[in-house]
PDB file of N, CA and C in Angstrom:
ATOM      1  N   MET A   1      -4.630   8.250 -68.466  1.00  0.00           N
ATOM      2  CA  MET A   1      -4.758   8.116 -69.929  1.00  0.00           C
ATOM      3  C   MET A   1      -4.067   9.299 -70.604  1.00  0.00           C
ATOM      4  N   ILE A   2      -3.013   9.015 -71.323  1.00  0.00           N
ATOM      5  CA  ILE A   2      -2.260  10.082 -71.988  1.00  0.00           C
ATOM      6  C   ILE A   2      -3.100  10.711 -73.097  1.00  0.00           C
ATOM      7  N   VAL A   3      -3.876   9.887 -73.792  1.00  0.00           N
ATOM      8  CA  VAL A   3      -4.689  10.412 -74.898  1.00  0.00           C
ATOM      9  C   VAL A   3      -5.685  11.439 -74.373  1.00  0.00           C
ATOM     10  N   PHE A   4      -6.319  11.130 -73.240  1.00  0.00           N
ATOM     11  CA  PHE A   4      -7.297  12.060 -72.658  1.00  0.00           C
ATOM     12  C   PHE A   4      -6.622  13.363 -72.250  1.00  0.00           C
ATOM     13  N   ASN A   5      -5.405  13.256 -71.707  1.00  0.00           N
ATOM     14  CA  ASN A   5      -4.677  14.463 -71.305  1.00  0.00           C
ATOM     15  C   ASN A   5      -4.340  15.316 -72.520  1.00  0.00           C
ATOM     16  N   VAL A   6      -3.949  14.685 -73.612  1.00  0.00           N
ATOM     17  CA  VAL A   6      -3.621  15.429 -74.836  1.00  0.00           C
ATOM     18  C   VAL A   6      -4.866  16.126 -75.368  1.00  0.00           C
ATOM     19  N   ILE A   7      -5.992  15.419 -75.384  1.00  0.00           N
ATOM     20  CA  ILE A   7      -7.238  16.019 -75.881  1.00  0.00           C
ATOM     21  C   ILE A   7      -7.643  17.199 -74.995  1.00  0.00           C
ATOM     22  N   ALA A   8      -7.554  17.030 -73.686  1.00  0.00           N
ATOM     23  CA  ALA A   8      -7.905  18.107 -72.763  1.00  0.00           C
ATOM     24  C   ALA A   8      -6.974  19.301 -72.960  1.00  0.00           C
ATOM     25  N   PHE A   9      -5.694  19.045 -73.186  1.00  0.00           N
ATOM     26  CA  PHE A   9      -4.734  20.125 -73.405  1.00  0.00           C
ATOM     27  C   PHE A   9      -5.061  20.889 -74.680  1.00  0.00           C
ATOM     28  N   VAL A  10      -5.362  20.158 -75.752  1.00  0.00           N
ATOM     29  CA  VAL A  10      -5.694  20.803 -77.028  1.00  0.00           C
ATOM     30  C   VAL A  10      -6.960  21.644 -76.881  1.00  0.00           C
ATOM     31  N   LEU A  11      -7.964  21.107 -76.204  1.00  0.00           N
ATOM     32  CA  LEU A  11      -9.212  21.861 -76.014  1.00  0.00           C
ATOM     33  C   LEU A  11      -8.958  23.107 -75.165  1.00  0.00           C
ATOM     34  N   GLY A  12      -8.110  22.988 -74.167  1.00  0.00           N
ATOM     35  CA  GLY A  12      -7.792  24.139 -73.322  1.00  0.00           C
ATOM     36  C   GLY A  12      -7.078  25.227 -74.115  1.00  0.00           C
ATOM     37  N   VAL A  13      -6.110  24.844 -74.926  1.00  0.00           N
ATOM     38  CA  VAL A  13      -5.381  25.820 -75.745  1.00  0.00           C
ATOM     39  C   VAL A  13      -6.329  26.472 -76.742  1.00  0.00           C
ATOM     40  N   ALA A  14      -7.215  25.678 -77.352  1.00  0.00           N
ATOM     41  CA  ALA A  14      -8.173  26.217 -78.320  1.00  0.00           C
ATOM     42  C   ALA A  14      -9.117  27.203 -77.636  1.00  0.00           C
ATOM     43  N   ALA A  15      -9.556  26.871 -76.427  1.00  0.00           N
ATOM     44  CA  ALA A  15     -10.464  27.759 -75.690  1.00  0.00           C
ATOM     45  C   ALA A  15      -9.761  29.070 -75.341  1.00  0.00           C
ATOM     46  N   LEU A  16      -8.505  28.995 -74.915  1.00  0.00           N
ATOM     47  CA  LEU A  16      -7.757  30.207 -74.583  1.00  0.00           C
ATOM     48  C   LEU A  16      -7.534  31.053 -75.834  1.00  0.00           C
ATOM     49  N   GLY A  17      -7.191  30.402 -76.936  1.00  0.00           N
ATOM     50  CA  GLY A  17      -6.979  31.127 -78.190  1.00  0.00           C
ATOM     51  C   GLY A  17      -8.257  31.813 -78.644  1.00  0.00           C
ATOM     52  N   TYR A  18      -9.393  31.115 -78.522  1.00  0.00           N
ATOM     53  CA  TYR A  18     -10.676  31.700 -78.919  1.00  0.00           C
ATOM     54  C   TYR A  18     -11.022  32.887 -78.029  1.00  0.00           C
ATOM     55  N   LEU A  19     -10.735  32.766 -76.722  1.00  0.00           N
ATOM     56  CA  LEU A  19     -11.018  33.858 -75.792  1.00  0.00           C
ATOM     57  C   LEU A  19     -10.158  35.077 -76.121  1.00  0.00           C
ATOM     58  N   VAL A  20      -8.883  34.861 -76.386  1.00  0.00           N
ATOM     59  CA  VAL A  20      -7.987  35.969 -76.736  1.00  0.00           C
ATOM     60  C   VAL A  20      -8.443  36.614 -78.037  1.00  0.00           C
ATOM     61  N   TYR A  21      -8.844  35.800 -79.018  1.00  0.00           N
ATOM     62  CA  TYR A  21      -9.318  36.331 -80.298  1.00  0.00           C
ATOM     63  C   TYR A  21     -10.578  37.165 -80.091  1.00  0.00           C
ATOM     64  N   ALA A  22     -11.475  36.696 -79.207  1.00  0.00           N
ATOM     65  CA  ALA A  22     -12.708  37.437 -78.926  1.00  0.00           C
ATOM     66  C   ALA A  22     -12.384  38.777 -78.258  1.00  0.00           C
ATOM     67  N   LEU A  23     -11.366  38.800 -77.406  1.00  0.00           N
ATOM     68  CA  LEU A  23     -10.993  40.048 -76.732  1.00  0.00           C
ATOM     69  C   LEU A  23     -10.303  41.010 -77.699  1.00  0.00           C
ATOM     70  N   VAL A  24      -9.524  40.470 -78.637  1.00  0.00           N
ATOM     71  CA  VAL A  24      -8.801  41.325 -79.581  1.00  0.00           C
ATOM     72  C   VAL A  24      -9.744  41.865 -80.649  1.00  0.00           C
ATOM     73  N   ARG A  25     -10.713  41.048 -81.078  1.00  0.00           N
ATOM     74  CA  ARG A  25     -11.641  41.469 -82.130  1.00  0.00           C
ATOM     75  C   ARG A  25     -13.080  41.462 -81.619  1.00  0.00           C
ATOM     76  N   PRO A  26     -13.447  42.397 -80.748  1.00  0.00           N
ATOM     77  CA  PRO A  26     -14.803  42.385 -80.174  1.00  0.00           C
ATOM     78  C   PRO A  26     -15.884  42.775 -81.171  1.00  0.00           C
ATOM     79  N   GLU A  27     -15.519  43.401 -82.295  1.00  0.00           N
ATOM     80  CA  GLU A  27     -16.545  43.833 -83.247  1.00  0.00           C
ATOM     81  C   GLU A  27     -17.223  42.657 -83.937  1.00  0.00           C
ATOM     82  N   ARG A  28     -16.617  41.462 -83.868  1.00  0.00           N
ATOM     83  CA  ARG A  28     -17.234  40.302 -84.510  1.00  0.00           C
ATOM     84  C   ARG A  28     -18.221  39.602 -83.591  1.00  0.00           C
ATOM     85  N   PHE A  29     -18.359  40.071 -82.351  1.00  0.00           N
ATOM     86  CA  PHE A  29     -19.244  39.376 -81.411  1.00  0.00           C
ATOM     87  C   PHE A  29     -20.358  40.314 -80.946  1.00  0.00           C
TER      88      PHE A  29
END
């Protein structure tokens, strides 16, 4: 299912971006 792969890819990128943001700005957590 291409749609499922796209959704999984978007969620993965969002999770990585959130993790990087948390590491760059630790004072907000």
